[in-house]
């Protein structure tokens, strides 16, 4: 469905762009707690999504959704939980 429908592609890319922009607002100290997350890669994706939309590899975007978002989601949830317990 992702590769077949442009509106779905637009929505996914836009949401990933928003997510990437949000991670740029995290402090270096906070990101340093999770060196297993490719923060630089997330930032790079944002740059491509914002400035090179026509050059985005949609298969790579879908690979990110399938393979990388779960780990990022878990990391962010752990970070949030650490704030709640502090």
Protein backbone atom coordinates (compact mmCIF):
# COMPACT_ATOMS: atom_id res chain seq x y z
CA UNK A 1 0.00 0.00 0.00
CA UNK A 2 2.84 2.41 0.84
CA UNK A 3 4.56 2.12 -2.53
CA UNK A 4 1.26 2.16 -4.43
CA UNK A 5 -0.37 5.28 -2.98
CA UNK A 6 1.23 8.71 -3.22
CA UNK A 7 -0.97 10.15 -0.47
CA UNK A 8 0.25 7.46 1.94
CA UNK A 9 3.85 8.14 0.92
CA UNK A 10 3.38 11.86 1.55
CA UNK A 11 1.86 11.20 4.96
CA UNK A 12 4.60 8.80 6.04
CA UNK A 13 7.42 11.06 4.84
CA UNK A 14 5.83 14.09 6.52
CA UNK A 15 5.43 12.24 9.81
CA UNK A 16 9.03 11.01 9.67
CA UNK A 17 10.14 14.57 8.93
CA UNK A 18 8.26 15.83 11.99
CA UNK A 19 9.74 13.07 14.11
CA UNK A 20 13.25 13.88 12.89
CA UNK A 21 12.77 17.59 13.57
CA UNK A 22 11.58 16.77 17.08
CA UNK A 23 14.67 14.69 17.83
CA UNK A 24 16.85 17.66 16.90
CA UNK A 25 15.38 19.49 19.87
CA UNK A 26 16.74 16.89 22.29
CA UNK A 27 19.86 17.92 24.15
CA UNK A 28 23.18 16.30 23.34
CA UNK A 29 23.26 15.04 26.93
CA UNK A 30 19.93 13.30 26.52
CA UNK A 31 20.90 11.80 23.16
CA UNK A 32 24.16 10.68 24.73
CA UNK A 33 22.20 8.37 27.00
CA UNK A 34 21.23 6.37 23.93
CA UNK A 35 24.32 6.06 21.75
CA UNK A 36 22.71 3.05 20.07
CA UNK A 37 20.35 5.40 18.23
CA UNK A 38 21.69 6.95 15.01
CA UNK A 39 20.80 10.53 15.90
CA UNK A 40 22.98 11.88 13.08
CA UNK A 41 21.22 9.61 10.59
CA UNK A 42 17.84 10.83 11.80
CA UNK A 43 19.00 14.42 11.31
CA UNK A 44 20.29 13.57 7.85
CA UNK A 45 16.96 12.03 6.92
CA UNK A 46 15.23 15.22 7.95
CA UNK A 47 17.49 17.24 5.67
CA UNK A 48 16.73 14.97 2.73
CA UNK A 49 12.99 14.97 3.49
CA UNK A 50 12.83 18.76 3.69
CA UNK A 51 15.19 19.75 0.90
CA UNK A 52 15.21 16.84 -1.48
CA UNK A 53 11.73 15.41 -1.47
CA UNK A 54 11.83 14.44 -5.13
CA UNK A 55 15.03 12.51 -4.49
CA UNK A 56 13.72 10.40 -1.64
CA UNK A 57 14.10 6.65 -2.09
CA UNK A 58 10.67 5.36 -1.11
CA UNK A 59 11.87 1.81 -0.62
CA UNK A 60 14.45 3.10 1.84
CA UNK A 61 11.76 5.10 3.64
CA UNK A 62 9.64 1.97 3.99
CA UNK A 63 12.67 0.06 5.24
CA UNK A 64 13.13 2.72 7.94
CA UNK A 65 9.49 2.35 8.95
CA UNK A 66 9.71 -1.42 9.14
CA UNK A 67 13.18 -1.82 10.64
CA UNK A 68 14.14 1.28 12.62
CA UNK A 69 11.08 2.94 14.10
CA UNK A 70 10.49 0.24 16.68
CA UNK A 71 13.91 0.75 18.29
CA UNK A 72 13.52 4.52 18.20
CA UNK A 73 10.07 4.29 19.74
CA UNK A 74 11.41 2.10 22.56
CA UNK A 75 14.31 4.48 23.20
CA UNK A 76 12.06 7.54 23.35
CA UNK A 77 9.62 5.76 25.67
CA UNK A 78 12.51 4.83 27.99
CA UNK A 79 13.69 8.44 27.98
CA UNK A 80 10.20 9.66 28.84
CA UNK A 81 9.86 7.08 31.61
CA UNK A 82 13.13 8.27 33.13
CA UNK A 83 11.63 11.76 33.40
CA UNK A 84 8.50 10.41 35.04
CA UNK A 85 10.52 8.55 37.67
CA UNK A 86 12.85 11.46 38.40
